Amino acid sequence: MIKRGDYQGKPVISLMRKEDDKFPFTFGLAKAKLILENIEEIKAFVAEAEQAK
């Protein structure tokens, strides 16, 4: 589930496992851009970590 909002007048997005998630992963534009710039490395990290299980 995704929720959009604002924090101190700036846009943020929250990623939640379920609607009443106590600890959503919330970030703004700068971190969103950083994630997109490094998406391939993040995908590689997930694949490696899942193989190590």
PDB file of N, CA and C in Angstrom:
ATOM      1  N   MET A   1       0.848  -1.175   0.000  1.00  0.00           N
ATOM      2  CA  MET A   1       0.000   0.000   0.000  1.00  0.00           C
ATOM      3  C   MET A   1       0.895   1.241   0.000  1.00  0.00           C
ATOM      4  N   ILE A   2       0.465   2.238  -0.719  1.00  0.00           N
ATOM      5  CA  ILE A   2       1.218   3.485  -0.826  1.00  0.00           C
ATOM      6  C   ILE A   2       0.312   4.639  -0.432  1.00  0.00           C
ATOM      7  N   LYS A   3       0.883   5.565   0.312  1.00  0.00           N
ATOM      8  CA  LYS A   3       0.147   6.761   0.714  1.00  0.00           C
ATOM      9  C   LYS A   3       1.016   7.979   0.418  1.00  0.00           C
ATOM     10  N   ARG A   4       0.434   8.981  -0.198  1.00  0.00           N
ATOM     11  CA  ARG A   4       1.144  10.227  -0.454  1.00  0.00           C
ATOM     12  C   ARG A   4       0.660  11.286   0.512  1.00  0.00           C
ATOM     13  N   GLY A   5       1.581  12.157   0.892  1.00  0.00           N
ATOM     14  CA  GLY A   5       1.212  13.225   1.804  1.00  0.00           C
ATOM     15  C   GLY A   5       2.245  14.330   1.743  1.00  0.00           C
ATOM     16  N   ASP A   6       2.312  15.097   2.815  1.00  0.00           N
ATOM     17  CA  ASP A   6       3.324  16.135   2.878  1.00  0.00           C
ATOM     18  C   ASP A   6       3.838  16.249   4.307  1.00  0.00           C
ATOM     19  N   TYR A   7       5.049  16.716   4.419  1.00  0.00           N
ATOM     20  CA  TYR A   7       5.693  16.942   5.708  1.00  0.00           C
ATOM     21  C   TYR A   7       6.355  18.300   5.635  1.00  0.00           C
ATOM     22  N   GLN A   8       5.939  19.181   6.492  1.00  0.00           N
ATOM     23  CA  GLN A   8       6.441  20.553   6.515  1.00  0.00           C
ATOM     24  C   GLN A   8       6.355  21.200   5.128  1.00  0.00           C
ATOM     25  N   GLY A   9       5.243  20.946   4.448  1.00  0.00           N
ATOM     26  CA  GLY A   9       4.987  21.557   3.153  1.00  0.00           C
ATOM     27  C   GLY A   9       5.667  20.907   1.968  1.00  0.00           C
ATOM     28  N   LYS A  10       6.369  19.801   2.193  1.00  0.00           N
ATOM     29  CA  LYS A  10       7.056  19.114   1.100  1.00  0.00           C
ATOM     30  C   LYS A  10       6.419  17.741   0.876  1.00  0.00           C
ATOM     31  N   PRO A  11       6.381  17.277  -0.376  1.00  0.00           N
ATOM     32  CA  PRO A  11       5.733  15.994  -0.658  1.00  0.00           C
ATOM     33  C   PRO A  11       6.543  14.810  -0.128  1.00  0.00           C
ATOM     34  N   VAL A  12       5.823  13.822   0.393  1.00  0.00           N
ATOM     35  CA  VAL A  12       6.425  12.568   0.841  1.00  0.00           C
ATOM     36  C   VAL A  12       5.560  11.417   0.357  1.00  0.00           C
ATOM     37  N   ILE A  13       6.164  10.256   0.334  1.00  0.00           N
ATOM     38  CA  ILE A  13       5.456   9.027  -0.005  1.00  0.00           C
ATOM     39  C   ILE A  13       5.755   8.011   1.086  1.00  0.00           C
ATOM     40  N   SER A  14       4.746   7.242   1.474  1.00  0.00           N
ATOM     41  CA  SER A  14       4.904   6.223   2.508  1.00  0.00           C
ATOM     42  C   SER A  14       4.575   4.862   1.911  1.00  0.00           C
ATOM     43  N   LEU A  15       5.469   3.912   2.112  1.00  0.00           N
ATOM     44  CA  LEU A  15       5.255   2.530   1.679  1.00  0.00           C
ATOM     45  C   LEU A  15       4.871   1.726   2.919  1.00  0.00           C
ATOM     46  N   MET A  16       3.742   1.020   2.842  1.00  0.00           N
ATOM     47  CA  MET A  16       3.240   0.274   3.987  1.00  0.00           C
ATOM     48  C   MET A  16       2.920  -1.157   3.593  1.00  0.00           C
ATOM     49  N   ARG A  17       3.158  -2.060   4.511  1.00  0.00           N
ATOM     50  CA  ARG A  17       2.817  -3.471   4.277  1.00  0.00           C
ATOM     51  C   ARG A  17       1.308  -3.681   4.314  1.00  0.00           C
ATOM     52  N   LYS A  18       0.640  -2.920   5.198  1.00  0.00           N
ATOM     53  CA  LYS A  18      -0.815  -2.961   5.310  1.00  0.00           C
ATOM     54  C   LYS A  18      -1.293  -1.584   5.748  1.00  0.00           C
ATOM     55  N   GLU A  19      -2.591  -1.344   5.656  1.00  0.00           N
ATOM     56  CA  GLU A  19      -3.134  -0.011   5.884  1.00  0.00           C
ATOM     57  C   GLU A  19      -2.826   0.546   7.272  1.00  0.00           C
ATOM     58  N   ASP A  20      -2.799  -0.313   8.284  1.00  0.00           N
ATOM     59  CA  ASP A  20      -2.553   0.153   9.652  1.00  0.00           C
ATOM     60  C   ASP A  20      -1.110  -0.089  10.108  1.00  0.00           C
ATOM     61  N   ASP A  21      -0.174  -0.121   9.165  1.00  0.00           N
ATOM     62  CA  ASP A  21       1.242  -0.322   9.466  1.00  0.00           C
ATOM     63  C   ASP A  21       1.729   0.755  10.444  1.00  0.00           C
ATOM     64  N   LYS A  22       2.306   0.326  11.573  1.00  0.00           N
ATOM     65  CA  LYS A  22       2.784   1.278  12.574  1.00  0.00           C
ATOM     66  C   LYS A  22       4.053   1.999  12.138  1.00  0.00           C
ATOM     67  N   PHE A  23       4.850   1.357  11.319  1.00  0.00           N
ATOM     68  CA  PHE A  23       6.141   1.912  10.929  1.00  0.00           C
ATOM     69  C   PHE A  23       6.307   1.932   9.406  1.00  0.00           C
ATOM     70  N   PRO A  24       5.601   2.834   8.724  1.00  0.00           N
ATOM     71  CA  PRO A  24       5.754   2.903   7.269  1.00  0.00           C
ATOM     72  C   PRO A  24       7.130   3.441   6.886  1.00  0.00           C
ATOM     73  N   PHE A  25       7.553   3.117   5.690  1.00  0.00           N
ATOM     74  CA  PHE A  25       8.809   3.621   5.138  1.00  0.00           C
ATOM     75  C   PHE A  25       8.458   4.902   4.385  1.00  0.00           C
ATOM     76  N   THR A  26       8.783   6.037   4.967  1.00  0.00           N
ATOM     77  CA  THR A  26       8.394   7.328   4.421  1.00  0.00           C
ATOM     78  C   THR A  26       9.624   8.115   3.989  1.00  0.00           C
ATOM     79  N   PHE A  27       9.534   8.701   2.784  1.00  0.00           N
ATOM     80  CA  PHE A  27      10.653   9.492   2.282  1.00  0.00           C
ATOM     81  C   PHE A  27      10.152  10.561   1.328  1.00  0.00           C
ATOM     82  N   GLY A  28      11.014  11.537   1.104  1.00  0.00           N
ATOM     83  CA  GLY A  28      10.668  12.658   0.246  1.00  0.00           C
ATOM     84  C   GLY A  28      11.330  12.572  -1.112  1.00  0.00           C
ATOM     85  N   LEU A  29      11.282  13.671  -1.815  1.00  0.00           N
ATOM     86  CA  LEU A  29      11.761  13.733  -3.192  1.00  0.00           C
ATOM     87  C   LEU A  29      13.252  13.424  -3.315  1.00  0.00           C
ATOM     88  N   ALA A  30      14.080  13.983  -2.448  1.00  0.00           N
ATOM     89  CA  ALA A  30      15.527  13.766  -2.549  1.00  0.00           C
ATOM     90  C   ALA A  30      15.880  12.285  -2.394  1.00  0.00           C
ATOM     91  N   LYS A  31      15.281  11.623  -1.414  1.00  0.00           N
ATOM     92  CA  LYS A  31      15.567  10.195  -1.225  1.00  0.00           C
ATOM     93  C   LYS A  31      14.952   9.356  -2.341  1.00  0.00           C
ATOM     94  N   ALA A  32      13.799   9.767  -2.860  1.00  0.00           N
ATOM     95  CA  ALA A  32      13.194   9.054  -3.987  1.00  0.00           C
ATOM     96  C   ALA A  32      14.125   9.094  -5.197  1.00  0.00           C
ATOM     97  N   LYS A  33      14.705  10.260  -5.455  1.00  0.00           N
ATOM     98  CA  LYS A  33      15.658  10.376  -6.563  1.00  0.00           C
ATOM     99  C   LYS A  33      16.879   9.501  -6.329  1.00  0.00           C
ATOM    100  N   LEU A  34      17.376   9.470  -5.101  1.00  0.00           N
ATOM    101  CA  LEU A  34      18.537   8.641  -4.767  1.00  0.00           C
ATOM    102  C   LEU A  34      18.235   7.159  -4.987  1.00  0.00           C
ATOM    103  N   ILE A  35      17.042   6.742  -4.591  1.00  0.00           N
ATOM    104  CA  ILE A  35      16.631   5.348  -4.816  1.00  0.00           C
ATOM    105  C   ILE A  35      16.609   5.040  -6.308  1.00  0.00           C
ATOM    106  N   LEU A  36      16.004   5.922  -7.102  1.00  0.00           N
ATOM    107  CA  LEU A  36      15.920   5.691  -8.545  1.00  0.00           C
ATOM    108  C   LEU A  36      17.300   5.662  -9.199  1.00  0.00           C
ATOM    109  N   GLU A  37      18.203   6.506  -8.735  1.00  0.00           N
ATOM    110  CA  GLU A  37      19.565   6.523  -9.284  1.00  0.00           C
ATOM    111  C   GLU A  37      20.325   5.236  -8.984  1.00  0.00           C
ATOM    112  N   ASN A  38      19.905   4.521  -7.941  1.00  0.00           N
ATOM    113  CA  ASN A  38      20.630   3.325  -7.505  1.00  0.00           C
ATOM    114  C   ASN A  38      19.773   2.068  -7.539  1.00  0.00           C
ATOM    115  N   ILE A  39      18.705   2.077  -8.333  1.00  0.00           N
ATOM    116  CA  ILE A  39      17.759   0.967  -8.335  1.00  0.00           C
ATOM    117  C   ILE A  39      18.392  -0.367  -8.742  1.00  0.00           C
ATOM    118  N   GLU A  40      19.327  -0.345  -9.675  1.00  0.00           N
ATOM    119  CA  GLU A  40      19.965  -1.597 -10.093  1.00  0.00           C
ATOM    120  C   GLU A  40      20.794  -2.197  -8.966  1.00  0.00           C
ATOM    121  N   GLU A  41      21.492  -1.363  -8.210  1.00  0.00           N
ATOM    122  CA  GLU A  41      22.279  -1.849  -7.072  1.00  0.00           C
ATOM    123  C   GLU A  41      21.365  -2.394  -5.976  1.00  0.00           C
ATOM    124  N   ILE A  42      20.207  -1.757  -5.794  1.00  0.00           N
ATOM    125  CA  ILE A  42      19.242  -2.230  -4.801  1.00  0.00           C
ATOM    126  C   ILE A  42      18.690  -3.589  -5.217  1.00  0.00           C
ATOM    127  N   LYS A  43      18.374  -3.739  -6.501  1.00  0.00           N
ATOM    128  CA  LYS A  43      17.892  -5.033  -7.001  1.00  0.00           C
ATOM    129  C   LYS A  43      18.940  -6.121  -6.801  1.00  0.00           C
ATOM    130  N   ALA A  44      20.207  -5.810  -7.067  1.00  0.00           N
ATOM    131  CA  ALA A  44      21.289  -6.774  -6.883  1.00  0.00           C
ATOM    132  C   ALA A  44      21.413  -7.151  -5.410  1.00  0.00           C
ATOM    133  N   PHE A  45      21.307  -6.178  -4.525  1.00  0.00           N
ATOM    134  CA  PHE A  45      21.379  -6.429  -3.093  1.00  0.00           C
ATOM    135  C   PHE A  45      20.279  -7.395  -2.653  1.00  0.00           C
ATOM    136  N   VAL A  46      19.050  -7.155  -3.114  1.00  0.00           N
ATOM    137  CA  VAL A  46      17.928  -8.018  -2.753  1.00  0.00           C
ATOM    138  C   VAL A  46      18.171  -9.436  -3.256  1.00  0.00           C
ATOM    139  N   ALA A  47      18.611  -9.578  -4.491  1.00  0.00           N
ATOM    140  CA  ALA A  47      18.860 -10.904  -5.058  1.00  0.00           C
ATOM    141  C   ALA A  47      19.938 -11.641  -4.280  1.00  0.00           C
ATOM    142  N   GLU A  48      21.037 -10.954  -3.955  1.00  0.00           N
ATOM    143  CA  GLU A  48      22.115 -11.576  -3.187  1.00  0.00           C
ATOM    144  C   GLU A  48      21.674 -11.963  -1.787  1.00  0.00           C
ATOM    145  N   ALA A  49      20.925 -11.094  -1.141  1.00  0.00           N
ATOM    146  CA  ALA A  49      20.461 -11.363   0.221  1.00  0.00           C
ATOM    147  C   ALA A  49      19.475 -12.536   0.246  1.00  0.00           C
ATOM    148  N   GLU A  50      18.618 -12.639  -0.771  1.00  0.00           N
ATOM    149  CA  GLU A  50      17.671 -13.754  -0.832  1.00  0.00           C
ATOM    150  C   GLU A  50      18.388 -15.071  -1.091  1.00  0.00           C
ATOM    151  N   GLN A  51      19.445 -15.056  -1.864  1.00  0.00           N
ATOM    152  CA  GLN A  51      20.211 -16.277  -2.138  1.00  0.00           C
ATOM    153  C   GLN A  51      20.951 -16.747  -0.884  1.00  0.00           C
ATOM    154  N   ALA A  52      21.339 -15.814  -0.031  1.00  0.00           N
ATOM    155  CA  ALA A  52      22.110 -16.136   1.169  1.00  0.00           C
ATOM    156  C   ALA A  52      21.242 -16.752   2.267  1.00  0.00           C
ATOM    157  N   LYS A  53      19.919 -16.715   2.106  1.00  0.00           N
ATOM    158  CA  LYS A  53      19.011 -17.274   3.127  1.00  0.00           C
ATOM    159  C   LYS A  53      19.201 -18.745   3.285  1.00  0.00           C
TER     160      LYS A  53
END
